[in-house]
Amino acid sequence: MEKRVVFRHKTLPYLLLAPQLAITLIFFFLPAGQALWQAFHLEDPFGLSSQFVGLENFAELFSSAEYRASFTTTAMFSAAVSVLGLVIALVLAVMANRVVRGALLYRSLLIWPYAVATAVAGVLWLFLFSPSVGIVAVFLLEHGFQWNPRLNGNDAMLLVVIASVWKQISYNFLFFLAGLQAIPRSLIEAAAMDGAGPMRRFWAIVFPLLAPTTFFLLVVNIIYAFFDTFAIIDVVSQGGPGEATSILVYRVYNTGFRGLDIGSSAAQSVVLMVLVVALTVIQFRYIDRKVTYS
């Protein structure tokens, strides 16, 4: 006879959920609500007085050529980080999945970068590409390549993209490797018996079965590029030179904490939040239709 446990305590589930709900409310919903309120007000840096200005903060933002240019910078940066991070991680996962001897060692080495803090990753790559003492920068200079991310905006953007991709590769690698290991070997062996080559088997069988994982990682990587790369940009370039690497999330910080313009910073955070939500909805509405879940 099957035994069943009847849970009669009606308040305990709510008590168990209370800490997480409190954290979500205090650290997510309240700051979001405060930012929304501040976006329509003009405040002094110490928050002692405020004046309702309606949409003036937003109108001032979109009339700024520098702020409009940051949309292009953010789009280019996010696309580069997402695409390169996914492609490199997929290649590494496919190669690691084929390794027989020392597979655990290779996988452990590829996972290590994820344990490095984002700011530390920025410092590491900044040191490697430092124009004066960086090993990579000196090597490039000796071979005729002028490299200076402090003066050249393209060099600075390339450096923050490299650092951001390197930091995220391990995360993508874990999911791709798990997806590859979940694919039944019988499908690949059957295709091989039918005469399909390695590339044909990958594009016809493996990659379509990885579509749910790829879609999930696409959403995660775009959010990562929009928000979690702040520390790398702050350490490596601080948004410069000029405005070359000043993406939207860094402008929010720069305007609010350095410029002490609380209203404009809050308006930028609202615009950024709406933009990310819109991109996520578009991805789930249109891209998700092409994903086959099996």
Protein backbone atom coordinates (compact mmCIF):
# COMPACT_ATOMS: atom_id res chain seq x y z
CA MET A 1 0.00 0.00 0.00
CA GLU A 2 1.42 3.39 -1.03
CA LYS A 3 2.12 5.80 1.80
CA ARG A 4 1.39 9.48 1.34
CA VAL A 5 2.46 12.40 3.47
CA VAL A 6 -0.23 15.00 4.04
CA PHE A 7 1.15 18.49 4.60
CA ARG A 8 -1.31 20.27 6.85
CA HIS A 9 0.69 23.34 7.84
CA LYS A 10 -0.71 26.16 5.68
CA THR A 11 1.54 29.00 6.83
CA LEU A 12 4.92 27.25 6.67
CA PRO A 13 5.25 27.50 2.84
CA TYR A 14 4.75 31.25 3.06
CA LEU A 15 7.31 31.48 5.87
CA LEU A 16 9.83 29.56 3.76
CA LEU A 17 9.20 31.88 0.82
CA ALA A 18 9.30 35.03 2.94
CA PRO A 19 13.13 35.56 2.90
CA GLN A 20 13.35 35.28 -0.90
CA LEU A 21 10.28 37.46 -1.37
CA ALA A 22 11.73 40.06 0.99
CA ILE A 23 15.06 40.10 -0.89
CA THR A 24 13.25 40.44 -4.23
CA LEU A 25 11.09 43.25 -2.91
CA ILE A 26 13.89 45.19 -1.20
CA PHE A 27 16.65 44.80 -3.77
CA PHE A 28 14.68 44.60 -7.02
CA PHE A 29 11.16 46.04 -6.96
CA LEU A 30 11.80 48.96 -4.58
CA PRO A 31 14.91 50.23 -6.48
CA ALA A 32 13.05 49.83 -9.78
CA GLY A 33 10.12 51.80 -8.42
CA GLN A 34 12.42 54.48 -7.03
CA ALA A 35 14.22 54.79 -10.38
CA LEU A 36 10.89 55.15 -12.16
CA TRP A 37 9.84 57.89 -9.72
CA GLN A 38 13.17 59.73 -10.00
CA ALA A 39 13.06 59.61 -13.81
CA PHE A 40 10.23 62.17 -13.74
CA HIS A 41 11.85 64.44 -11.16
CA LEU A 42 14.79 66.81 -10.91
CA GLU A 43 16.73 66.07 -7.72
CA ASP A 44 19.74 67.54 -6.01
CA PRO A 45 22.70 65.14 -5.56
CA PHE A 46 21.89 64.55 -1.88
CA GLY A 47 18.19 63.79 -2.41
CA LEU A 48 17.07 66.62 -0.11
CA SER A 49 14.70 68.20 -2.63
CA SER A 50 13.01 67.19 -5.84
CA GLN A 51 10.86 68.84 -8.47
CA PHE A 52 8.48 67.13 -10.86
CA VAL A 53 9.59 67.81 -14.44
CA GLY A 54 7.52 65.25 -16.36
CA LEU A 55 9.25 63.98 -19.48
CA GLU A 56 12.00 66.61 -19.52
CA ASN A 57 14.67 64.14 -18.45
CA PHE A 58 13.76 61.82 -21.33
CA ALA A 59 13.54 64.70 -23.83
CA GLU A 60 16.99 65.91 -22.79
CA LEU A 61 18.38 62.41 -23.16
CA PHE A 62 17.17 61.80 -26.68
CA SER A 63 18.24 65.26 -27.78
CA SER A 64 21.82 64.36 -26.84
CA ALA A 65 23.91 63.09 -29.74
CA GLU A 66 26.25 61.29 -27.32
CA TYR A 67 23.38 59.36 -25.75
CA ARG A 68 21.99 58.34 -29.13
CA ALA A 69 25.47 57.23 -30.18
CA SER A 70 25.65 54.99 -27.09
CA PHE A 71 22.78 52.91 -28.55
CA THR A 72 24.95 52.07 -31.55
CA THR A 73 27.92 51.33 -29.28
CA THR A 74 25.79 49.07 -27.09
CA ALA A 75 24.32 47.23 -30.08
CA MET A 76 27.75 46.57 -31.62
CA PHE A 77 29.24 45.52 -28.29
CA SER A 78 26.34 43.23 -27.37
CA ALA A 79 26.28 41.57 -30.80
CA ALA A 80 30.03 40.96 -30.75
CA VAL A 81 30.04 39.56 -27.20
CA SER A 82 27.01 37.32 -27.77
CA VAL A 83 27.99 35.92 -31.17
CA LEU A 84 31.67 35.38 -30.40
CA GLY A 85 30.92 33.94 -26.97
CA LEU A 86 28.42 31.42 -28.37
CA VAL A 87 30.49 30.42 -31.40
CA ILE A 88 33.75 29.90 -29.51
CA ALA A 89 32.02 28.06 -26.67
CA LEU A 90 30.22 25.76 -29.12
CA VAL A 91 33.47 24.92 -30.91
CA LEU A 92 35.20 24.17 -27.60
CA ALA A 93 32.27 22.06 -26.41
CA VAL A 94 32.27 19.99 -29.60
CA MET A 95 36.01 19.44 -29.32
CA ALA A 96 35.86 18.59 -25.60
CA ASN A 97 32.99 16.18 -26.23
CA ARG A 98 35.19 14.18 -28.60
CA VAL A 99 38.13 13.90 -26.21
CA VAL A 100 38.50 10.44 -24.70
CA ARG A 101 41.70 10.63 -22.67
CA GLY A 102 42.04 13.52 -20.20
CA ALA A 103 38.52 14.73 -20.86
CA LEU A 104 37.95 15.76 -17.23
CA LEU A 105 41.16 17.81 -17.20
CA TYR A 106 40.28 19.69 -20.38
CA ARG A 107 36.77 20.45 -19.16
CA SER A 108 38.05 21.65 -15.80
CA LEU A 109 40.54 24.01 -17.45
CA LEU A 110 37.82 25.45 -19.69
CA ILE A 111 35.54 26.08 -16.72
CA TRP A 112 38.13 27.99 -14.66
CA PRO A 113 37.57 31.45 -16.24
CA TYR A 114 34.00 31.48 -14.92
CA ALA A 115 35.35 31.45 -11.35
CA VAL A 116 37.26 34.69 -11.98
CA ALA A 117 35.51 37.86 -10.84
CA THR A 118 34.47 40.21 -13.63
CA ALA A 119 36.66 43.05 -12.38
CA VAL A 120 39.64 40.69 -12.06
CA ALA A 121 39.10 39.56 -15.65
CA GLY A 122 39.23 43.19 -16.72
CA VAL A 123 42.47 43.79 -14.82
CA LEU A 124 44.01 40.64 -16.32
CA TRP A 125 43.33 41.61 -19.92
CA LEU A 126 44.21 45.25 -19.27
CA PHE A 127 47.63 44.14 -18.04
CA LEU A 128 48.17 41.82 -21.02
CA PHE A 129 47.32 44.58 -23.51
CA SER A 130 48.91 47.50 -21.67
CA PRO A 131 50.83 49.56 -24.27
CA SER A 132 53.88 49.93 -22.03
CA VAL A 133 54.30 46.58 -20.21
CA GLY A 134 51.67 44.26 -21.67
CA ILE A 135 53.09 41.08 -23.20
CA VAL A 136 50.56 41.00 -26.03
CA ALA A 137 50.82 44.74 -26.72
CA VAL A 138 54.62 44.62 -26.88
CA PHE A 139 54.44 41.60 -29.22
CA LEU A 140 52.06 43.46 -31.52
CA LEU A 141 54.27 46.55 -31.47
CA GLU A 142 57.34 44.51 -32.40
CA HIS A 143 55.47 43.16 -35.43
CA GLY A 144 54.37 46.56 -36.67
CA PHE A 145 50.91 46.82 -35.12
CA GLN A 146 50.23 50.08 -33.31
CA TRP A 147 48.14 49.11 -30.28
CA ASN A 148 46.93 51.66 -27.73
CA PRO A 149 43.45 51.22 -26.21
CA ARG A 150 43.96 54.42 -24.21
CA LEU A 151 44.03 56.54 -27.36
CA ASN A 152 42.35 54.43 -30.03
CA GLY A 153 38.64 53.79 -29.63
CA ASN A 154 38.64 50.71 -31.85
CA ASP A 155 41.45 49.14 -29.81
CA ALA A 156 39.57 49.86 -26.59
CA MET A 157 36.36 48.32 -27.93
CA LEU A 158 38.23 45.24 -29.13
CA LEU A 159 39.88 44.85 -25.73
CA VAL A 160 36.62 45.02 -23.73
CA VAL A 161 34.99 42.60 -26.17
CA ILE A 162 37.86 40.10 -25.75
CA ALA A 163 37.73 40.37 -21.97
CA SER A 164 33.93 40.04 -21.87
CA VAL A 165 33.88 37.04 -24.22
CA TRP A 166 36.65 35.28 -22.30
CA LYS A 167 34.74 35.72 -19.04
CA GLN A 168 31.49 34.29 -20.48
CA ILE A 169 32.88 31.41 -22.55
CA SER A 170 32.96 28.99 -19.61
CA TYR A 171 29.28 29.55 -18.84
CA ASN A 172 28.29 28.91 -22.45
CA PHE A 173 30.66 25.93 -22.64
CA LEU A 174 28.97 24.18 -19.70
CA PHE A 175 25.52 24.38 -21.25
CA PHE A 176 26.66 23.39 -24.73
CA LEU A 177 28.61 20.43 -23.37
CA ALA A 178 25.61 19.27 -21.35
CA GLY A 179 23.43 19.60 -24.45
CA LEU A 180 25.86 17.61 -26.58
CA GLN A 181 26.07 14.82 -24.02
CA ALA A 182 22.25 14.62 -23.93
CA ILE A 183 22.02 13.90 -27.68
CA PRO A 184 21.48 10.16 -28.28
CA ARG A 185 24.51 8.59 -29.92
CA SER A 186 22.23 6.34 -31.94
CA LEU A 187 21.07 9.29 -34.06
CA ILE A 188 24.61 10.31 -34.98
CA GLU A 189 25.66 6.71 -35.64
CA ALA A 190 22.62 6.15 -37.87
CA ALA A 191 23.50 9.26 -39.89
CA ALA A 192 27.09 8.08 -40.20
CA MET A 193 25.90 4.71 -41.49
CA ASP A 194 23.82 6.55 -44.11
CA GLY A 195 26.97 8.23 -45.38
CA ALA A 196 26.64 11.67 -43.74
CA GLY A 197 29.98 13.34 -43.04
CA PRO A 198 30.94 15.09 -39.79
CA MET A 199 29.79 18.56 -40.92
CA ARG A 200 26.56 17.16 -42.35
CA ARG A 201 25.83 15.32 -39.11
CA PHE A 202 26.51 18.46 -37.09
CA TRP A 203 24.26 20.81 -39.07
CA ALA A 204 21.49 18.29 -39.74
CA ILE A 205 21.30 16.54 -36.35
CA VAL A 206 23.46 18.03 -33.59
CA PHE A 207 22.84 21.74 -34.04
CA PRO A 208 19.03 21.47 -34.40
CA LEU A 209 18.91 19.44 -31.18
CA LEU A 210 20.98 22.16 -29.50
CA ALA A 211 18.49 24.84 -30.56
CA PRO A 212 16.79 25.17 -27.12
CA THR A 213 20.18 25.51 -25.41
CA THR A 214 21.38 28.01 -28.01
CA PHE A 215 18.24 30.11 -27.64
CA PHE A 216 18.55 30.16 -23.86
CA LEU A 217 22.20 31.16 -24.05
CA LEU A 218 21.42 33.87 -26.61
CA VAL A 219 19.04 35.55 -24.18
CA VAL A 220 21.46 35.15 -21.27
CA ASN A 221 24.42 36.51 -23.24
CA ILE A 222 22.56 39.59 -24.41
CA ILE A 223 21.55 40.37 -20.82
CA TYR A 224 25.15 39.71 -19.76
CA ALA A 225 26.47 42.12 -22.38
CA PHE A 226 23.99 44.80 -21.35
CA PHE A 227 24.58 44.64 -17.59
CA ASP A 228 27.30 42.30 -16.27
CA THR A 229 30.10 43.75 -18.40
CA PHE A 230 29.98 47.02 -16.45
CA ALA A 231 32.94 46.04 -14.23
CA ILE A 232 35.10 45.12 -17.23
CA ILE A 233 34.44 48.44 -18.96
CA ASP A 234 35.00 50.38 -15.74
CA VAL A 235 38.36 48.69 -15.13
CA VAL A 236 39.63 48.57 -18.71
CA SER A 237 38.50 51.79 -20.37
CA GLN A 238 36.05 53.70 -18.13
CA GLY A 239 33.92 54.28 -21.19
CA GLY A 240 36.74 55.85 -23.19
CA PRO A 241 38.67 56.94 -24.98
CA GLY A 242 36.07 59.62 -25.53
CA GLU A 243 32.78 57.73 -25.65
CA ALA A 244 34.08 54.75 -27.66
CA THR A 245 33.17 52.10 -25.05
CA SER A 246 30.47 53.94 -23.12
CA ILE A 247 27.56 51.50 -23.35
CA LEU A 248 24.16 52.30 -21.86
CA VAL A 249 24.69 50.71 -18.45
CA TYR A 250 27.99 52.56 -17.99
CA ARG A 251 26.36 55.87 -18.91
CA VAL A 252 23.80 55.28 -16.16
CA TYR A 253 26.63 54.98 -13.63
CA ASN A 254 28.67 57.82 -15.11
CA THR A 255 25.74 60.23 -15.11
CA GLY A 256 24.45 59.32 -11.66
CA PHE A 257 27.60 58.73 -9.60
CA ARG A 258 30.07 61.00 -11.35
CA GLY A 259 27.86 63.67 -12.85
CA LEU A 260 25.46 63.54 -9.86
CA ASP A 261 22.50 63.99 -12.19
CA ILE A 262 20.08 61.63 -10.45
CA GLY A 263 17.06 62.36 -12.64
CA SER A 264 18.89 61.80 -15.92
CA SER A 265 20.55 58.64 -14.58
CA ALA A 266 17.18 57.26 -13.47
CA ALA A 267 15.68 58.07 -16.88
CA GLN A 268 18.52 56.21 -18.58
CA SER A 269 17.98 53.19 -16.34
CA VAL A 270 14.28 53.17 -17.25
CA VAL A 271 15.11 53.35 -20.96
CA LEU A 272 17.63 50.51 -20.54
CA MET A 273 15.10 48.38 -18.65
CA VAL A 274 12.44 48.93 -21.33
CA LEU A 275 14.95 48.12 -24.07
CA VAL A 276 16.05 44.85 -22.47
CA VAL A 277 12.44 43.78 -21.80
CA ALA A 278 11.53 44.59 -25.41
CA LEU A 279 14.49 42.59 -26.77
CA THR A 280 13.60 39.63 -24.56
CA VAL A 281 9.96 39.71 -25.68
CA ILE A 282 11.01 39.88 -29.35
CA GLN A 283 13.35 36.95 -28.88
CA PHE A 284 10.71 34.80 -27.22
CA ARG A 285 8.02 35.84 -29.69
CA TYR A 286 9.88 35.39 -32.96
CA ILE A 287 13.11 33.46 -32.45
CA ASP A 288 11.49 30.95 -30.08
CA ARG A 289 9.12 29.90 -32.89
CA LYS A 290 12.08 28.52 -34.84
CA VAL A 291 13.30 26.50 -31.88
CA THR A 292 12.28 22.84 -31.79
CA TYR A 293 11.94 21.39 -28.28
CA SER A 294 12.25 17.66 -28.23
